[in-house]
N, C-alpha and C. Protein backbone atom coordinates (compact mmCIF):
# COMPACT_ATOMS: atom_id res chain seq x y z
N MET A 1 20.17 30.44 -9.29
CA MET A 1 20.78 29.16 -9.57
C MET A 1 21.46 29.27 -10.93
N ASN A 2 22.72 28.82 -11.03
CA ASN A 2 23.43 28.96 -12.30
C ASN A 2 23.02 27.86 -13.27
N SER A 3 23.42 28.01 -14.53
CA SER A 3 22.98 27.07 -15.57
C SER A 3 23.55 25.67 -15.35
N PHE A 4 24.77 25.58 -14.75
CA PHE A 4 25.34 24.26 -14.48
C PHE A 4 24.47 23.51 -13.47
N SER A 5 24.03 24.19 -12.41
CA SER A 5 23.18 23.57 -11.40
C SER A 5 21.86 23.09 -12.00
N LEU A 6 21.25 23.93 -12.85
CA LEU A 6 20.00 23.54 -13.50
C LEU A 6 20.20 22.33 -14.41
N MET A 7 21.32 22.33 -15.15
CA MET A 7 21.59 21.21 -16.05
C MET A 7 21.82 19.93 -15.24
N PHE A 8 22.55 20.04 -14.10
CA PHE A 8 22.81 18.89 -13.26
C PHE A 8 21.50 18.34 -12.68
N LEU A 9 20.67 19.24 -12.15
CA LEU A 9 19.39 18.81 -11.58
C LEU A 9 18.48 18.19 -12.64
N SER A 10 18.44 18.78 -13.83
CA SER A 10 17.58 18.22 -14.87
C SER A 10 18.08 16.87 -15.36
N SER A 11 19.39 16.63 -15.28
CA SER A 11 19.90 15.30 -15.67
C SER A 11 19.71 14.30 -14.54
N LEU A 12 19.64 14.78 -13.30
CA LEU A 12 19.46 13.89 -12.16
C LEU A 12 18.02 13.38 -12.06
N LEU A 13 17.05 14.21 -12.42
CA LEU A 13 15.65 13.83 -12.32
C LEU A 13 15.33 12.55 -13.08
N PRO A 14 15.73 12.38 -14.35
CA PRO A 14 15.44 11.11 -15.02
C PRO A 14 16.10 9.91 -14.34
N VAL A 15 17.28 10.11 -13.75
CA VAL A 15 17.94 9.02 -13.03
C VAL A 15 17.12 8.63 -11.82
N LEU A 16 16.63 9.63 -11.07
CA LEU A 16 15.80 9.33 -9.90
C LEU A 16 14.52 8.64 -10.31
N LEU A 17 13.89 9.09 -11.39
CA LEU A 17 12.66 8.45 -11.87
C LEU A 17 12.94 7.03 -12.32
N ALA A 18 14.03 6.81 -13.02
CA ALA A 18 14.37 5.47 -13.48
C ALA A 18 14.64 4.55 -12.30
N THR A 19 15.32 5.06 -11.28
CA THR A 19 15.58 4.26 -10.08
C THR A 19 14.27 3.91 -9.38
N SER A 20 13.37 4.87 -9.28
CA SER A 20 12.08 4.64 -8.65
C SER A 20 11.28 3.58 -9.42
N CYS A 21 11.25 3.68 -10.74
CA CYS A 21 10.53 2.70 -11.55
C CYS A 21 11.17 1.33 -11.45
N ALA A 22 12.50 1.28 -11.42
CA ALA A 22 13.20 -0.01 -11.32
C ALA A 22 12.83 -0.69 -10.01
N ASP A 23 12.70 0.09 -8.93
CA ASP A 23 12.32 -0.47 -7.64
C ASP A 23 10.94 -1.08 -7.71
N VAL A 24 9.99 -0.40 -8.35
CA VAL A 24 8.64 -0.91 -8.49
C VAL A 24 8.64 -2.17 -9.33
N GLN A 25 9.36 -2.17 -10.45
CA GLN A 25 9.39 -3.33 -11.33
C GLN A 25 10.07 -4.52 -10.67
N ALA A 26 11.08 -4.26 -9.83
CA ALA A 26 11.80 -5.35 -9.19
C ALA A 26 10.90 -6.14 -8.26
N GLN A 27 9.83 -5.50 -7.76
CA GLN A 27 8.95 -6.19 -6.84
C GLN A 27 7.77 -6.85 -7.56
N CYS A 28 7.74 -6.80 -8.87
CA CYS A 28 6.66 -7.42 -9.62
C CYS A 28 6.90 -8.92 -9.76
N CYS A 29 5.86 -9.65 -9.70
CA CYS A 29 5.92 -11.09 -9.91
C CYS A 29 4.66 -11.46 -10.67
N ARG A 30 4.83 -12.03 -11.81
CA ARG A 30 3.68 -12.37 -12.65
C ARG A 30 3.35 -13.86 -12.49
N PRO A 31 2.07 -14.20 -12.55
CA PRO A 31 1.70 -15.62 -12.48
C PRO A 31 2.42 -16.43 -13.55
N SER A 32 2.85 -17.63 -13.17
CA SER A 32 3.58 -18.49 -14.09
C SER A 32 2.73 -19.66 -14.58
N GLY A 33 1.47 -19.66 -14.24
CA GLY A 33 0.57 -20.72 -14.67
C GLY A 33 -0.72 -20.67 -13.87
N ARG A 34 -1.52 -21.72 -14.02
CA ARG A 34 -2.81 -21.81 -13.30
C ARG A 34 -3.06 -23.27 -12.94
N ILE A 35 -3.80 -23.45 -11.83
CA ILE A 35 -4.28 -24.79 -11.50
C ILE A 35 -5.80 -24.72 -11.38
N ARG A 36 -6.45 -25.83 -11.66
CA ARG A 36 -7.90 -25.92 -11.58
C ARG A 36 -8.28 -26.42 -10.19
N GLY A 37 -9.17 -25.67 -9.54
CA GLY A 37 -9.62 -26.04 -8.21
C GLY A 37 -10.59 -27.20 -8.24
N LYS A 38 -10.67 -27.88 -7.11
CA LYS A 38 -11.65 -28.94 -6.94
C LYS A 38 -12.23 -28.81 -5.54
N ASN A 39 -13.47 -29.18 -5.39
CA ASN A 39 -14.12 -29.07 -4.09
C ASN A 39 -13.44 -29.99 -3.09
N PRO A 40 -13.25 -29.51 -1.86
CA PRO A 40 -12.67 -30.38 -0.83
C PRO A 40 -13.67 -31.41 -0.35
N PRO A 41 -13.17 -32.51 0.20
CA PRO A 41 -14.09 -33.48 0.82
C PRO A 41 -14.86 -32.79 1.95
N PRO A 42 -16.06 -33.25 2.26
CA PRO A 42 -16.87 -32.62 3.31
C PRO A 42 -16.09 -32.45 4.62
N GLY A 43 -16.13 -31.24 5.16
CA GLY A 43 -15.49 -30.95 6.44
C GLY A 43 -13.97 -30.83 6.39
N GLN A 44 -13.38 -30.84 5.21
CA GLN A 44 -11.91 -30.83 5.11
C GLN A 44 -11.29 -29.47 4.85
N CYS A 45 -12.06 -28.46 4.51
CA CYS A 45 -11.49 -27.13 4.25
C CYS A 45 -11.49 -26.32 5.53
N ASN A 46 -10.32 -25.83 5.90
CA ASN A 46 -10.19 -25.02 7.09
C ASN A 46 -10.55 -23.58 6.74
N THR A 47 -11.64 -23.08 7.29
CA THR A 47 -12.10 -21.72 7.00
C THR A 47 -11.80 -20.75 8.14
N GLY A 48 -10.86 -21.12 9.03
CA GLY A 48 -10.49 -20.24 10.13
C GLY A 48 -9.98 -18.90 9.61
N ASP A 49 -10.19 -17.85 10.38
CA ASP A 49 -9.76 -16.49 10.04
C ASP A 49 -10.25 -16.07 8.66
N ASP A 50 -11.49 -16.45 8.33
CA ASP A 50 -12.13 -16.07 7.07
C ASP A 50 -11.42 -16.59 5.83
N SER A 51 -10.72 -17.73 5.95
CA SER A 51 -10.05 -18.34 4.79
C SER A 51 -11.08 -18.90 3.83
N ASP A 52 -10.76 -18.89 2.54
CA ASP A 52 -11.63 -19.42 1.50
C ASP A 52 -11.26 -20.87 1.20
N CYS A 53 -12.20 -21.58 0.60
CA CYS A 53 -11.95 -22.94 0.11
C CYS A 53 -11.90 -22.91 -1.41
N CYS A 54 -11.15 -23.82 -2.00
CA CYS A 54 -11.11 -23.93 -3.46
C CYS A 54 -12.49 -24.30 -3.97
N LYS A 55 -12.78 -23.84 -5.17
CA LYS A 55 -14.07 -24.12 -5.80
C LYS A 55 -13.83 -24.95 -7.06
N ASP A 56 -14.65 -25.94 -7.23
CA ASP A 56 -14.53 -26.86 -8.35
C ASP A 56 -14.54 -26.13 -9.68
N GLY A 57 -13.51 -26.35 -10.49
CA GLY A 57 -13.42 -25.77 -11.82
C GLY A 57 -12.85 -24.37 -11.88
N GLN A 58 -12.78 -23.67 -10.75
CA GLN A 58 -12.22 -22.31 -10.79
C GLN A 58 -10.71 -22.39 -11.00
N MET A 59 -10.17 -21.48 -11.80
CA MET A 59 -8.74 -21.44 -12.09
C MET A 59 -8.06 -20.50 -11.09
N TYR A 60 -6.95 -20.97 -10.53
CA TYR A 60 -6.18 -20.19 -9.55
C TYR A 60 -4.77 -19.97 -10.08
N PRO A 61 -4.25 -18.72 -9.96
CA PRO A 61 -2.91 -18.43 -10.49
C PRO A 61 -1.81 -19.06 -9.65
N VAL A 62 -0.76 -19.52 -10.32
CA VAL A 62 0.44 -20.05 -9.68
C VAL A 62 1.48 -18.94 -9.74
N ASN A 63 2.04 -18.58 -8.60
CA ASN A 63 3.09 -17.56 -8.53
C ASN A 63 4.38 -18.22 -8.11
N GLY A 64 5.23 -18.53 -9.07
CA GLY A 64 6.48 -19.23 -8.79
C GLY A 64 7.64 -18.32 -8.47
N CYS A 65 7.36 -17.13 -7.96
CA CYS A 65 8.45 -16.21 -7.64
C CYS A 65 8.07 -15.41 -6.40
N SER A 66 9.05 -14.75 -5.86
CA SER A 66 8.85 -13.86 -4.72
C SER A 66 9.56 -12.56 -5.02
N PRO A 67 9.07 -11.46 -4.48
CA PRO A 67 9.78 -10.21 -4.71
C PRO A 67 11.12 -10.26 -3.99
N PRO A 68 12.13 -9.56 -4.52
CA PRO A 68 13.41 -9.54 -3.81
C PRO A 68 13.23 -8.82 -2.47
N VAL A 69 13.90 -9.32 -1.45
CA VAL A 69 13.81 -8.72 -0.12
C VAL A 69 14.71 -7.49 -0.09
N SER A 70 14.12 -6.37 0.28
CA SER A 70 14.88 -5.12 0.38
C SER A 70 14.75 -4.60 1.81
N GLY A 71 15.21 -3.41 2.03
CA GLY A 71 15.07 -2.79 3.35
C GLY A 71 13.63 -2.63 3.75
N HIS A 72 12.76 -2.46 2.76
CA HIS A 72 11.32 -2.32 3.00
C HIS A 72 10.58 -2.99 1.84
N THR A 73 10.42 -4.29 1.90
CA THR A 73 9.73 -5.05 0.87
C THR A 73 8.23 -4.86 1.04
N ARG A 74 7.55 -4.45 -0.02
CA ARG A 74 6.11 -4.22 0.05
C ARG A 74 5.35 -5.55 0.03
N ALA A 75 4.27 -5.60 0.81
CA ALA A 75 3.45 -6.80 0.89
C ALA A 75 2.09 -6.44 1.47
N HIS A 76 1.26 -7.46 1.63
CA HIS A 76 -0.05 -7.31 2.25
C HIS A 76 -0.08 -8.22 3.47
N LEU A 77 -0.54 -7.69 4.57
CA LEU A 77 -0.64 -8.44 5.81
C LEU A 77 -2.02 -9.07 5.89
N THR A 78 -2.06 -10.36 6.23
CA THR A 78 -3.33 -11.05 6.43
C THR A 78 -3.31 -11.72 7.79
N LEU A 79 -4.49 -11.97 8.32
CA LEU A 79 -4.63 -12.59 9.63
C LEU A 79 -4.53 -14.10 9.50
N ASN A 80 -3.80 -14.72 10.40
CA ASN A 80 -3.63 -16.17 10.39
C ASN A 80 -3.45 -16.65 11.82
N SER A 81 -3.79 -17.89 12.05
CA SER A 81 -3.57 -18.52 13.34
C SER A 81 -2.51 -19.59 13.16
N PHE A 82 -1.59 -19.66 14.09
CA PHE A 82 -0.52 -20.65 13.99
C PHE A 82 -0.66 -21.73 15.05
N GLU A 83 -1.85 -21.81 15.63
CA GLU A 83 -2.13 -22.84 16.63
C GLU A 83 -2.34 -24.19 15.95
N GLU A 84 -2.13 -25.26 16.68
CA GLU A 84 -2.33 -26.62 16.17
C GLU A 84 -3.72 -26.77 15.57
N GLY A 85 -3.79 -27.28 14.34
CA GLY A 85 -5.06 -27.53 13.68
C GLY A 85 -5.70 -26.31 13.05
N ARG A 86 -5.01 -25.17 13.07
CA ARG A 86 -5.57 -23.95 12.48
C ARG A 86 -5.01 -23.75 11.08
N ASP A 87 -5.06 -22.52 10.57
CA ASP A 87 -4.77 -22.30 9.16
C ASP A 87 -3.33 -21.88 8.85
N GLY A 88 -2.37 -22.26 9.67
CA GLY A 88 -0.96 -21.98 9.37
C GLY A 88 -0.48 -22.80 8.19
N GLY A 89 0.69 -22.45 7.67
CA GLY A 89 1.23 -23.11 6.48
C GLY A 89 2.34 -24.08 6.81
N GLY A 90 3.26 -24.30 5.85
CA GLY A 90 4.35 -25.25 6.01
C GLY A 90 5.65 -24.56 6.38
N LEU A 91 6.70 -25.36 6.54
CA LEU A 91 8.00 -24.85 6.92
C LEU A 91 8.54 -23.87 5.88
N SER A 92 9.36 -22.95 6.33
CA SER A 92 9.90 -21.90 5.48
C SER A 92 11.41 -21.85 5.60
N ASP A 93 12.07 -21.35 4.56
CA ASP A 93 13.52 -21.11 4.63
C ASP A 93 13.85 -20.13 5.75
N ARG A 94 12.91 -19.24 6.05
CA ARG A 94 13.14 -18.21 7.07
C ARG A 94 12.68 -18.67 8.46
N CYS A 95 12.20 -19.90 8.61
CA CYS A 95 11.65 -20.36 9.88
C CYS A 95 12.59 -20.08 11.05
N LEU A 96 11.97 -19.61 12.10
CA LEU A 96 12.60 -19.27 13.37
C LEU A 96 13.51 -18.07 13.28
N GLY A 97 13.57 -17.43 12.10
CA GLY A 97 14.24 -16.14 11.97
C GLY A 97 13.22 -15.05 12.21
N ASN A 98 13.69 -13.84 12.42
CA ASN A 98 12.79 -12.73 12.67
C ASN A 98 12.74 -11.79 11.48
N ILE A 99 11.58 -11.16 11.29
CA ILE A 99 11.42 -10.08 10.32
C ILE A 99 10.82 -8.90 11.07
N THR A 100 11.00 -7.71 10.51
CA THR A 100 10.37 -6.53 11.06
C THR A 100 9.27 -6.10 10.11
N ILE A 101 8.07 -5.90 10.64
CA ILE A 101 6.90 -5.51 9.85
C ILE A 101 6.57 -4.07 10.19
N TYR A 102 6.37 -3.25 9.15
CA TYR A 102 6.08 -1.83 9.30
C TYR A 102 4.70 -1.52 8.74
N SER A 103 3.87 -0.86 9.54
CA SER A 103 2.56 -0.41 9.08
C SER A 103 1.95 0.51 10.12
N ASN A 104 1.05 1.36 9.67
CA ASN A 104 0.28 2.19 10.58
C ASN A 104 1.18 3.08 11.45
N GLY A 105 2.36 3.44 10.92
CA GLY A 105 3.29 4.28 11.67
C GLY A 105 4.03 3.56 12.77
N ARG A 106 3.96 2.25 12.80
CA ARG A 106 4.61 1.44 13.84
C ARG A 106 5.41 0.32 13.19
N CYS A 107 6.21 -0.36 14.00
CA CYS A 107 6.89 -1.56 13.52
C CYS A 107 6.89 -2.59 14.64
N VAL A 108 6.98 -3.84 14.24
CA VAL A 108 7.00 -4.94 15.20
C VAL A 108 7.92 -6.02 14.65
N GLU A 109 8.68 -6.63 15.52
CA GLU A 109 9.53 -7.75 15.14
C GLU A 109 8.74 -9.03 15.37
N ALA A 110 8.74 -9.91 14.38
CA ALA A 110 7.96 -11.14 14.48
C ALA A 110 8.79 -12.33 14.02
N MET A 111 8.58 -13.47 14.66
CA MET A 111 9.29 -14.69 14.27
C MET A 111 8.54 -15.38 13.14
N VAL A 112 9.26 -15.83 12.15
CA VAL A 112 8.67 -16.57 11.04
C VAL A 112 8.51 -18.02 11.47
N VAL A 113 7.28 -18.54 11.34
CA VAL A 113 7.02 -19.92 11.76
C VAL A 113 6.50 -20.80 10.63
N ASP A 114 6.12 -20.20 9.51
CA ASP A 114 5.69 -21.00 8.37
C ASP A 114 5.78 -20.17 7.11
N GLU A 115 5.46 -20.78 5.99
CA GLU A 115 5.53 -20.07 4.72
C GLU A 115 4.28 -20.36 3.92
N ARG A 116 3.67 -19.30 3.40
CA ARG A 116 2.49 -19.46 2.54
C ARG A 116 2.97 -20.01 1.21
N ASP A 117 2.19 -20.86 0.60
CA ASP A 117 2.58 -21.49 -0.64
C ASP A 117 1.89 -20.81 -1.82
N SER A 118 2.69 -20.30 -2.76
CA SER A 118 2.12 -19.64 -3.93
C SER A 118 2.24 -20.52 -5.17
N THR A 119 2.68 -21.79 -4.99
CA THR A 119 2.82 -22.70 -6.13
C THR A 119 1.91 -23.91 -6.03
N MET A 120 1.37 -24.16 -4.86
CA MET A 120 0.49 -25.32 -4.64
C MET A 120 -0.72 -24.88 -3.83
N GLY A 121 -1.79 -25.63 -3.96
CA GLY A 121 -2.99 -25.33 -3.18
C GLY A 121 -4.11 -26.26 -3.60
N CYS A 122 -5.28 -26.04 -3.01
CA CYS A 122 -6.47 -26.84 -3.32
C CYS A 122 -6.24 -28.32 -3.05
N ASP A 123 -5.40 -28.63 -2.06
CA ASP A 123 -5.13 -30.03 -1.72
C ASP A 123 -5.11 -30.18 -0.19
N GLU A 124 -5.02 -31.42 0.26
CA GLU A 124 -5.08 -31.70 1.69
C GLU A 124 -3.99 -30.97 2.47
N GLU A 125 -2.76 -30.98 1.95
CA GLU A 125 -1.64 -30.34 2.65
C GLU A 125 -1.89 -28.85 2.90
N HIS A 126 -2.66 -28.22 2.02
CA HIS A 126 -2.93 -26.79 2.12
C HIS A 126 -4.36 -26.49 2.57
N ASP A 127 -4.95 -27.43 3.31
CA ASP A 127 -6.30 -27.27 3.86
C ASP A 127 -7.33 -26.95 2.80
N TYR A 128 -7.09 -27.38 1.57
CA TYR A 128 -8.02 -27.16 0.44
C TYR A 128 -8.29 -25.67 0.22
N GLN A 129 -7.29 -24.86 0.58
CA GLN A 129 -7.39 -23.42 0.34
C GLN A 129 -6.66 -23.07 -0.95
N PRO A 130 -7.09 -21.99 -1.62
CA PRO A 130 -6.42 -21.56 -2.86
C PRO A 130 -4.96 -21.17 -2.61
N LEU A 131 -4.20 -21.08 -3.68
CA LEU A 131 -2.82 -20.66 -3.61
C LEU A 131 -2.75 -19.23 -3.10
N CYS A 132 -1.64 -18.90 -2.50
CA CYS A 132 -1.45 -17.56 -1.96
C CYS A 132 -0.79 -16.65 -2.98
N ASP A 133 -1.06 -15.36 -2.87
CA ASP A 133 -0.34 -14.39 -3.68
C ASP A 133 1.11 -14.37 -3.23
N TYR A 134 2.00 -13.94 -4.12
CA TYR A 134 3.42 -13.93 -3.82
C TYR A 134 3.81 -12.87 -2.79
N ASP A 135 2.96 -11.90 -2.58
CA ASP A 135 3.34 -10.77 -1.72
C ASP A 135 2.48 -10.70 -0.44
N MET A 136 2.26 -11.85 0.17
CA MET A 136 1.44 -11.92 1.38
C MET A 136 2.32 -12.25 2.59
N VAL A 137 2.00 -11.64 3.71
CA VAL A 137 2.62 -11.98 4.99
C VAL A 137 1.47 -12.26 5.95
N ASP A 138 1.39 -13.49 6.42
CA ASP A 138 0.39 -13.85 7.42
C ASP A 138 0.92 -13.45 8.79
N ALA A 139 0.03 -12.99 9.65
CA ALA A 139 0.46 -12.60 10.99
C ALA A 139 -0.61 -12.96 12.01
N SER A 140 -0.15 -13.24 13.20
CA SER A 140 -1.06 -13.56 14.31
C SER A 140 -1.74 -12.30 14.81
N ARG A 141 -2.73 -12.50 15.65
CA ARG A 141 -3.45 -11.38 16.25
C ARG A 141 -2.51 -10.45 17.02
N ALA A 142 -1.48 -11.03 17.66
CA ALA A 142 -0.53 -10.23 18.44
C ALA A 142 0.19 -9.21 17.57
N VAL A 143 0.53 -9.58 16.33
CA VAL A 143 1.19 -8.65 15.41
C VAL A 143 0.24 -7.52 15.04
N TRP A 144 -1.00 -7.86 14.70
CA TRP A 144 -1.99 -6.84 14.34
C TRP A 144 -2.19 -5.86 15.50
N GLU A 145 -2.26 -6.39 16.73
CA GLU A 145 -2.43 -5.53 17.90
C GLU A 145 -1.22 -4.61 18.08
N ALA A 146 -0.01 -5.16 17.94
CA ALA A 146 1.21 -4.37 18.12
C ALA A 146 1.32 -3.26 17.07
N LEU A 147 0.80 -3.51 15.87
CA LEU A 147 0.81 -2.49 14.83
C LEU A 147 -0.30 -1.46 15.00
N GLY A 148 -1.20 -1.70 15.96
CA GLY A 148 -2.28 -0.75 16.23
C GLY A 148 -3.34 -0.68 15.14
N VAL A 149 -3.51 -1.77 14.41
CA VAL A 149 -4.54 -1.80 13.36
C VAL A 149 -5.90 -2.04 14.02
N PRO A 150 -6.89 -1.21 13.74
CA PRO A 150 -8.22 -1.41 14.33
C PRO A 150 -8.78 -2.79 13.99
N LYS A 151 -9.43 -3.42 14.94
CA LYS A 151 -9.94 -4.79 14.74
C LYS A 151 -10.87 -4.92 13.55
N ASP A 152 -11.61 -3.88 13.21
CA ASP A 152 -12.51 -3.99 12.06
C ASP A 152 -11.75 -3.99 10.73
N SER A 153 -10.44 -3.81 10.78
CA SER A 153 -9.59 -3.87 9.57
C SER A 153 -8.69 -5.09 9.55
N TRP A 154 -8.92 -6.03 10.44
CA TRP A 154 -8.07 -7.21 10.57
C TRP A 154 -8.34 -8.23 9.48
N ASP A 155 -8.10 -7.90 8.28
CA ASP A 155 -8.18 -8.91 7.22
C ASP A 155 -7.11 -8.67 6.16
N TRP A 156 -6.75 -7.39 5.92
CA TRP A 156 -5.83 -7.06 4.85
C TRP A 156 -5.33 -5.65 5.07
N VAL A 157 -4.03 -5.45 5.09
CA VAL A 157 -3.47 -4.11 5.19
C VAL A 157 -2.13 -4.10 4.45
N ASP A 158 -1.84 -2.97 3.80
CA ASP A 158 -0.56 -2.82 3.12
C ASP A 158 0.54 -2.62 4.16
N ILE A 159 1.67 -3.29 3.94
CA ILE A 159 2.81 -3.21 4.86
C ILE A 159 4.10 -3.15 4.05
N THR A 160 5.19 -2.93 4.76
CA THR A 160 6.52 -3.25 4.27
C THR A 160 7.16 -4.10 5.33
N TRP A 161 8.15 -4.89 4.94
CA TRP A 161 8.83 -5.73 5.91
C TRP A 161 10.30 -5.86 5.49
N SER A 162 11.13 -6.26 6.45
CA SER A 162 12.54 -6.48 6.17
C SER A 162 13.06 -7.58 7.08
N ASN A 163 14.18 -8.17 6.66
CA ASN A 163 14.85 -9.14 7.54
C ASN A 163 15.41 -8.39 8.72
N THR A 164 15.42 -9.03 9.88
CA THR A 164 15.94 -8.39 11.09
C THR A 164 17.37 -8.80 11.29
């Protein structure tokens, strides 16, 4: 390899590293505040699919941002039910649009039907559940099955996703 090639490659490496770091930083979202939890009225917290309830006095982070959507946006997949009276969320800007979810060497196209709230929680509208992290994607059992995730792991898995 000649000296020009070595010089070119050595100058390219820092650019590749900087690009890689920029990609990681672009997906960071830091909490923008906190809210104090309060106990829900008796029988009012929906604990379906192992959901938690807010606890009196506990501080919960507010995430007022979302990572930019890229070809493969990193996130965590969680189990959710979108049936009437279950633990689904509210309307989303992406509602009725499709996203592609990648994990476990597979991908599945899924319709967006609600949006997790990372700025509000511990109230009636949110089933007295804590605020969501900014990088969460809730999915039905059908999505978990299509991705081939073993049932004993149906609570949290790292994924990437993109708009379809």
